[in-house]
Amino acid sequence: MEGTRAQPIPPLEGALDDVPTKRRRGWWIPGALLLVAVLAFLFSRHAEEKDFLDLLRQARPGWLLVAAAFQVGTYLCVAGIWWTVLRRSRVRTSLWSLTRLSLMKLAFDQVIPTGGVGGSLLVGRGLRREGASPGTAAGAVLLTVLCFYVAQALGVGVSLFFLWRRAELNEWIQWLVTAFGVLAVAIPVGILWATRHREWKPGRWAKRIPSLGTMLKAIAEVPPGLLLDPGLLARGVALQLGVYVLDAATLGAMLLALGQEASPSTVFVSFMVASMAETVSIIPGGVGTYEAASVGMLNLFGVPVEAALASTLLLRGFTLWLPLGPGLYLLRHTLRGGPSPGRQPG
């Protein structure tokens, strides 16, 4: 079978080299300021501040455990996309090992905003450690990027229809959708175009785009037809949609933990609009922009501001801050050349 011996792995630090250290640190500042502004707005209203703190103190731990289970499911869904590609290429590996990669990708993407490209490059190197050939690893990575944007576009489309039916499609949402639409079309089309024009060499301007050169090299190694395999695309999009559904369910569980009830459609639409704001943001993890959009949408549908903010912060704790520590630990271990425990000989 393919990949009986792991391929040599280039240093993972290379994915970081394109972005100056000072610039990476500065990316956090706007989001942190925006998040502080949102919190300051709430705490300036003393009655809502008291309600907010009371909600957090009275949170039901049972629903928090349910939310944690939903989050484990999201990592399994992402790992399932890679596992499907590796299985097609007859590379044997454990789903647990790929789930570890999913956690590391999340940590990388939250720290360094490259539209998911930087974390995807890291995953490609991790898949080669599992025994995949360079072409198979690159194909799995790029298929994940395609599925991410296709699935998010489908989720956003459903949300827009819901908002249109309720006459809630206001101007700021329309501007947000426009920005997201440009990104959601440009990146998948760019990837597919590059797979058909592998001889194309970018000019000097490309050096200003982090990791673009490395991504183009990866595209050149993808086996022809892999990215347009209908079966792989369908399974990948379905698994990525599963991630969005589970994340939205986590938000719903947070509301229930706080004693608030909201319809599944309200929760899903609020989550998708906030995710759209996160995607178009240049801030790592969409910090500040995601929280503002989520609170605004939930409140638009009748959820009290204090409950909307508390549930959003709890969700972000489960999806961003809590996984960040383990993810960075695993990432640091990998950077030091730690062995991959999940690969099985083929």
Protein backbone atom coordinates (compact mmCIF):
# COMPACT_ATOMS: atom_id res chain seq x y z
CA MET A 1 0.00 0.00 0.00
CA GLU A 2 1.00 3.64 -0.46
CA GLY A 3 3.01 5.33 2.23
CA THR A 4 4.72 2.43 3.97
CA ARG A 5 7.31 4.97 5.07
CA ALA A 6 6.66 8.54 6.14
CA GLN A 7 7.91 11.22 3.75
CA PRO A 8 10.58 13.68 4.91
CA ILE A 9 8.85 16.65 6.49
CA PRO A 10 10.04 20.22 5.87
CA PRO A 11 10.28 22.34 9.01
CA LEU A 12 6.81 23.43 10.10
CA GLU A 13 8.15 26.83 11.00
CA GLY A 14 8.30 27.55 7.26
CA ALA A 15 4.59 28.22 7.24
CA LEU A 16 5.25 31.11 9.59
CA ASP A 17 8.22 32.62 7.86
CA ASP A 18 6.17 34.65 5.39
CA VAL A 19 4.60 36.74 8.14
CA PRO A 20 6.75 39.16 10.17
CA THR A 21 6.54 38.63 13.94
CA LYS A 22 5.56 42.20 14.76
CA ARG A 23 2.81 42.10 12.16
CA ARG A 24 1.42 38.85 13.55
CA ARG A 25 1.22 40.33 17.02
CA GLY A 26 -0.44 43.52 15.78
CA TRP A 27 -3.28 41.58 14.14
CA TRP A 28 -4.79 40.89 17.55
CA ILE A 29 -5.14 44.55 18.57
CA PRO A 30 -8.25 45.62 16.56
CA GLY A 31 -10.24 42.56 17.60
CA ALA A 32 -9.28 42.91 21.25
CA LEU A 33 -10.34 46.57 21.21
CA LEU A 34 -13.67 45.71 19.57
CA LEU A 35 -14.36 42.96 22.10
CA VAL A 36 -13.53 45.33 24.96
CA ALA A 37 -15.93 47.90 23.46
CA VAL A 38 -18.74 45.31 23.35
CA LEU A 39 -18.13 44.34 26.98
CA ALA A 40 -17.85 47.97 28.07
CA PHE A 41 -21.20 48.72 26.42
CA LEU A 42 -22.86 45.97 28.41
CA PHE A 43 -21.20 46.75 31.73
CA SER A 44 -22.07 50.43 31.41
CA ARG A 45 -25.69 49.37 31.82
CA HIS A 46 -25.70 48.21 35.43
CA ALA A 47 -28.98 46.28 35.35
CA GLU A 48 -27.83 44.20 32.37
CA GLU A 49 -24.41 43.72 33.95
CA LYS A 50 -26.06 42.15 37.00
CA ASP A 51 -28.26 39.93 34.84
CA PHE A 52 -25.20 38.89 32.80
CA LEU A 53 -23.24 37.83 35.89
CA ASP A 54 -26.28 36.06 37.37
CA LEU A 55 -26.70 34.08 34.15
CA LEU A 56 -23.10 32.92 34.23
CA ARG A 57 -23.34 31.90 37.90
CA GLN A 58 -26.54 29.92 37.27
CA ALA A 59 -25.30 28.10 34.15
CA ARG A 60 -26.42 24.47 34.06
CA PRO A 61 -23.33 22.22 33.84
CA GLY A 62 -25.24 19.43 32.11
CA TRP A 63 -25.75 21.52 28.98
CA LEU A 64 -22.09 22.54 29.08
CA LEU A 65 -21.15 18.86 28.87
CA VAL A 66 -23.50 18.46 25.91
CA ALA A 67 -21.78 21.43 24.26
CA ALA A 68 -18.38 19.81 24.85
CA ALA A 69 -19.61 16.63 23.14
CA PHE A 70 -20.79 18.67 20.15
CA GLN A 71 -17.33 20.22 19.87
CA VAL A 72 -15.62 16.84 19.89
CA GLY A 73 -17.89 16.00 16.97
CA THR A 74 -16.65 19.01 14.99
CA TYR A 75 -13.04 17.83 15.20
CA LEU A 76 -14.07 14.35 14.11
CA CYS A 77 -15.92 15.81 11.10
CA VAL A 78 -12.88 17.78 9.94
CA ALA A 79 -10.61 14.78 10.46
CA GLY A 80 -13.14 12.69 8.53
CA ILE A 81 -12.57 14.79 5.40
CA TRP A 82 -8.84 14.02 5.46
CA TRP A 83 -9.47 10.37 6.37
CA THR A 84 -11.73 10.01 3.32
CA VAL A 85 -9.00 11.29 0.98
CA LEU A 86 -6.31 9.12 2.58
CA ARG A 87 -8.54 6.08 2.39
CA ARG A 88 -9.10 6.72 -1.33
CA SER A 89 -5.32 6.65 -1.74
CA ARG A 90 -4.99 3.52 0.43
CA VAL A 91 -3.15 5.25 3.25
CA ARG A 92 -3.99 3.70 6.59
CA THR A 93 -4.12 5.98 9.63
CA SER A 94 -6.21 6.47 12.74
CA LEU A 95 -9.03 8.99 12.97
CA TRP A 96 -7.67 10.02 16.38
CA SER A 97 -4.34 11.05 14.89
CA LEU A 98 -6.11 13.17 12.28
CA THR A 99 -8.29 14.69 15.00
CA ARG A 100 -5.10 15.88 16.69
CA LEU A 101 -4.17 17.56 13.40
CA SER A 102 -7.59 19.22 13.35
CA LEU A 103 -6.93 20.69 16.78
CA MET A 104 -3.51 21.98 15.70
CA LYS A 105 -4.99 23.57 12.57
CA LEU A 106 -7.55 25.43 14.67
CA ALA A 107 -4.83 26.80 16.93
CA PHE A 108 -2.67 27.84 13.97
CA ASP A 109 -5.53 29.56 12.13
CA GLN A 110 -6.62 31.47 15.23
CA VAL A 111 -3.11 32.78 15.91
CA ILE A 112 -2.23 33.68 12.31
CA PRO A 113 -5.02 34.82 9.93
CA THR A 114 -4.23 33.57 6.42
CA GLY A 115 -7.75 32.65 5.31
CA GLY A 116 -7.12 29.10 6.54
CA VAL A 117 -4.15 28.69 4.18
CA GLY A 118 -1.43 28.66 6.84
CA GLY A 119 -3.14 26.03 8.97
CA SER A 120 -3.86 23.99 5.86
CA LEU A 121 -0.16 23.95 4.97
CA LEU A 122 0.57 22.65 8.45
CA VAL A 123 -2.02 19.90 7.96
CA GLY A 124 -0.41 18.93 4.66
CA ARG A 125 2.88 18.36 6.44
CA GLY A 126 1.07 16.42 9.14
CA LEU A 127 -0.61 14.17 6.59
CA ARG A 128 2.77 13.40 5.06
CA ARG A 129 3.87 12.29 8.50
CA GLU A 130 0.95 9.86 8.42
CA GLY A 131 2.37 8.29 5.26
CA ALA A 132 0.55 10.18 2.51
CA SER A 133 2.44 11.12 -0.63
CA PRO A 134 3.01 14.87 -1.21
CA GLY A 135 0.30 14.91 -3.88
CA THR A 136 -2.26 13.13 -1.71
CA ALA A 137 -1.52 15.39 1.27
CA ALA A 138 -1.83 18.50 -0.88
CA GLY A 139 -5.08 17.19 -2.36
CA ALA A 140 -6.57 16.55 1.09
CA VAL A 141 -5.63 20.05 2.21
CA LEU A 142 -7.06 21.80 -0.83
CA LEU A 143 -10.22 19.70 -0.79
CA THR A 144 -10.75 20.85 2.80
CA VAL A 145 -10.44 24.50 1.75
CA LEU A 146 -12.93 23.98 -1.10
CA CYS A 147 -15.39 22.19 1.18
CA PHE A 148 -15.07 24.93 3.79
CA TYR A 149 -16.18 27.67 1.42
CA VAL A 150 -18.81 25.59 -0.39
CA ALA A 151 -20.39 24.44 2.88
CA GLN A 152 -20.29 27.92 4.37
CA ALA A 153 -21.85 29.38 1.22
CA LEU A 154 -24.68 26.82 1.49
CA GLY A 155 -25.23 27.66 5.15
CA VAL A 156 -25.17 31.38 4.43
CA GLY A 157 -27.62 30.89 1.56
CA VAL A 158 -30.11 29.11 3.84
CA SER A 159 -29.68 31.87 6.43
CA LEU A 160 -30.27 34.62 3.87
CA PHE A 161 -33.49 32.95 2.72
CA PHE A 162 -34.66 32.81 6.33
CA LEU A 163 -33.82 36.49 6.89
CA TRP A 164 -35.52 37.46 3.63
CA ARG A 165 -38.69 35.61 4.63
CA ARG A 166 -38.71 37.52 7.91
CA ALA A 167 -37.86 40.86 6.25
CA GLU A 168 -34.71 41.14 8.39
CA LEU A 169 -32.22 41.43 5.53
CA ASN A 170 -30.84 44.82 6.52
CA GLU A 171 -28.11 46.86 4.87
CA TRP A 172 -25.17 45.79 7.04
CA ILE A 173 -25.96 42.11 6.42
CA GLN A 174 -26.08 42.80 2.68
CA TRP A 175 -22.63 44.42 2.80
CA LEU A 176 -21.32 41.50 4.83
CA VAL A 177 -22.74 39.01 2.34
CA THR A 178 -21.14 40.92 -0.54
CA ALA A 179 -17.69 40.78 1.08
CA PHE A 180 -18.14 37.11 1.93
CA GLY A 181 -19.36 36.32 -1.59
CA VAL A 182 -16.21 37.77 -3.14
CA LEU A 183 -14.03 35.68 -0.83
CA ALA A 184 -16.12 32.51 -1.15
CA VAL A 185 -15.92 32.67 -4.94
CA ALA A 186 -12.37 33.94 -5.39
CA ILE A 187 -10.55 31.35 -3.26
CA PRO A 188 -12.21 28.15 -4.62
CA VAL A 189 -12.09 29.45 -8.20
CA GLY A 190 -8.45 30.44 -7.71
CA ILE A 191 -7.56 26.96 -6.44
CA LEU A 192 -9.35 25.21 -9.30
CA TRP A 193 -7.80 27.60 -11.84
CA ALA A 194 -4.33 26.93 -10.45
CA THR A 195 -4.84 23.16 -10.76
CA ARG A 196 -5.44 23.64 -14.50
CA HIS A 197 -2.55 26.11 -14.99
CA ARG A 198 0.21 24.50 -12.98
CA GLU A 199 2.92 26.13 -15.06
CA TRP A 200 1.79 29.64 -14.01
CA LYS A 201 4.34 31.59 -11.97
CA PRO A 202 3.20 34.59 -9.89
CA GLY A 203 5.07 37.89 -10.02
CA ARG A 204 6.88 39.66 -7.22
CA TRP A 205 3.57 40.92 -5.81
CA ALA A 206 2.83 37.36 -4.66
CA LYS A 207 5.54 37.63 -2.00
CA ARG A 208 3.24 40.00 -0.10
CA ILE A 209 0.63 37.26 0.31
CA PRO A 210 1.56 34.88 3.19
CA SER A 211 2.10 31.25 2.15
CA LEU A 212 0.91 31.79 -1.46
CA GLY A 213 4.10 30.42 -2.97
CA THR A 214 3.96 27.31 -0.80
CA MET A 215 0.30 26.77 -1.69
CA LEU A 216 1.04 26.98 -5.43
CA LYS A 217 3.77 24.38 -5.02
CA ALA A 218 1.26 22.14 -3.24
CA ILE A 219 -1.31 22.59 -6.01
CA ALA A 220 1.23 21.46 -8.60
CA GLU A 221 1.54 18.11 -6.76
CA VAL A 222 -2.19 17.30 -6.54
CA PRO A 223 -3.19 14.24 -8.60
CA PRO A 224 -5.33 15.31 -11.61
CA GLY A 225 -9.05 15.00 -10.97
CA LEU A 226 -8.84 14.58 -7.21
CA LEU A 227 -10.34 17.98 -6.38
CA LEU A 228 -13.21 17.44 -8.82
CA ASP A 229 -14.06 13.91 -7.65
CA PRO A 230 -17.86 14.14 -7.08
CA GLY A 231 -17.84 11.54 -4.31
CA LEU A 232 -15.05 13.20 -2.35
CA LEU A 233 -16.60 16.64 -2.77
CA ALA A 234 -20.03 15.47 -1.65
CA ARG A 235 -18.69 13.71 1.44
CA GLY A 236 -16.38 16.58 2.26
CA VAL A 237 -19.11 19.23 1.98
CA ALA A 238 -21.47 17.08 4.06
CA LEU A 239 -18.84 16.70 6.81
CA GLN A 240 -18.08 20.43 6.77
CA LEU A 241 -21.80 21.21 7.00
CA GLY A 242 -21.79 18.87 9.99
CA VAL A 243 -19.20 21.15 11.60
CA TYR A 244 -21.47 24.18 11.19
CA VAL A 245 -24.52 22.32 12.49
CA LEU A 246 -22.61 21.07 15.54
CA ASP A 247 -21.18 24.54 16.24
CA ALA A 248 -24.66 26.05 15.99
CA ALA A 249 -25.95 23.29 18.27
CA THR A 250 -23.22 24.25 20.73
CA LEU A 251 -24.54 27.82 20.74
CA GLY A 252 -28.04 26.47 21.34
CA ALA A 253 -26.75 24.37 24.24
CA MET A 254 -25.13 27.46 25.75
CA LEU A 255 -28.46 29.31 25.60
CA LEU A 256 -30.19 26.36 27.29
CA ALA A 257 -27.44 26.27 29.91
CA LEU A 258 -28.34 29.88 30.69
CA GLY A 259 -32.06 29.12 30.87
CA GLN A 260 -32.84 30.74 27.51
CA GLU A 261 -34.80 29.08 24.72
CA ALA A 262 -34.46 29.92 21.04
CA SER A 263 -35.67 28.11 17.92
CA PRO A 264 -33.11 26.04 15.97
CA SER A 265 -33.51 28.37 12.98
CA THR A 266 -32.73 31.43 15.11
CA VAL A 267 -29.62 29.81 16.53
CA PHE A 268 -28.38 28.53 13.17
CA VAL A 269 -28.91 31.82 11.34
CA SER A 270 -27.25 33.81 14.14
CA PHE A 271 -24.28 31.46 14.12
CA MET A 272 -23.87 31.52 10.33
CA VAL A 273 -23.99 35.33 10.11
CA ALA A 274 -21.39 35.56 12.90
CA SER A 275 -19.24 32.95 11.14
CA MET A 276 -19.50 34.94 7.93
CA ALA A 277 -18.26 38.02 9.81
CA GLU A 278 -15.37 35.94 11.17
CA THR A 279 -14.42 34.70 7.69
CA VAL A 280 -14.19 38.15 6.11
CA SER A 281 -12.35 39.60 9.11
CA ILE A 282 -8.57 40.06 8.95
CA ILE A 283 -8.41 39.65 12.73
CA PRO A 284 -7.18 36.29 14.09
CA GLY A 285 -10.19 34.15 14.95
CA GLY A 286 -12.50 37.06 14.15
CA VAL A 287 -12.12 38.18 17.76
CA GLY A 288 -14.50 41.06 18.39
CA THR A 289 -16.22 40.89 15.00
CA TYR A 290 -17.69 37.44 15.68
CA GLU A 291 -18.92 38.40 19.14
CA ALA A 292 -20.53 41.64 17.93
CA ALA A 293 -22.30 39.89 15.02
CA SER A 294 -23.51 36.98 17.16
CA VAL A 295 -24.88 39.21 19.93
CA GLY A 296 -26.51 41.51 17.39
CA MET A 297 -28.24 38.68 15.53
CA LEU A 298 -29.47 36.89 18.65
CA ASN A 299 -30.82 40.14 20.05
CA LEU A 300 -32.49 40.85 16.70
CA PHE A 301 -34.44 37.60 17.16
CA GLY A 302 -35.54 38.49 20.68
CA VAL A 303 -32.80 37.05 22.89
CA PRO A 304 -31.92 39.51 25.70
CA VAL A 305 -28.56 41.24 25.22
CA GLU A 306 -27.05 39.83 28.40
CA ALA A 307 -28.06 36.26 27.47
CA ALA A 308 -26.85 36.72 23.89
CA LEU A 309 -23.45 37.94 25.08
CA ALA A 310 -23.09 35.29 27.78
CA SER A 311 -23.94 32.45 25.39
CA THR A 312 -21.63 33.85 22.71
CA LEU A 313 -18.72 34.17 25.13
CA LEU A 314 -19.31 30.62 26.38
CA LEU A 315 -19.39 29.37 22.78
CA ARG A 316 -16.15 31.19 22.00
CA GLY A 317 -14.61 29.71 25.10
CA PHE A 318 -15.41 26.21 23.83
CA THR A 319 -14.54 26.80 20.16
CA LEU A 320 -11.55 29.15 20.46
CA TRP A 321 -9.99 29.67 23.85
CA LEU A 322 -10.21 26.22 25.47
CA PRO A 323 -8.88 24.31 22.41
CA LEU A 324 -6.17 26.92 21.84
CA GLY A 325 -4.00 25.71 24.74
CA PRO A 326 -3.98 21.99 23.80
CA GLY A 327 -3.66 22.92 20.13
CA LEU A 328 -0.61 25.09 20.67
CA TYR A 329 0.91 22.41 22.91
CA LEU A 330 0.50 19.77 20.19
CA LEU A 331 1.76 22.25 17.62
CA ARG A 332 4.87 23.00 19.64
CA HIS A 333 5.48 19.28 20.11
CA THR A 334 5.20 18.77 16.35
CA LEU A 335 7.51 21.69 15.61
CA ARG A 336 10.13 19.98 17.73
CA GLY A 337 9.84 16.90 15.57
CA GLY A 338 7.80 14.70 17.90
CA PRO A 339 6.71 11.37 16.42
CA SER A 340 3.27 10.85 14.98
CA PRO A 341 1.63 8.13 17.08
CA GLY A 342 -1.35 7.50 14.82
CA ARG A 343 0.22 6.23 11.60
CA GLN A 344 -0.06 2.56 10.87
CA PRO A 345 2.06 0.85 8.29
CA GLY A 346 0.23 0.22 5.02
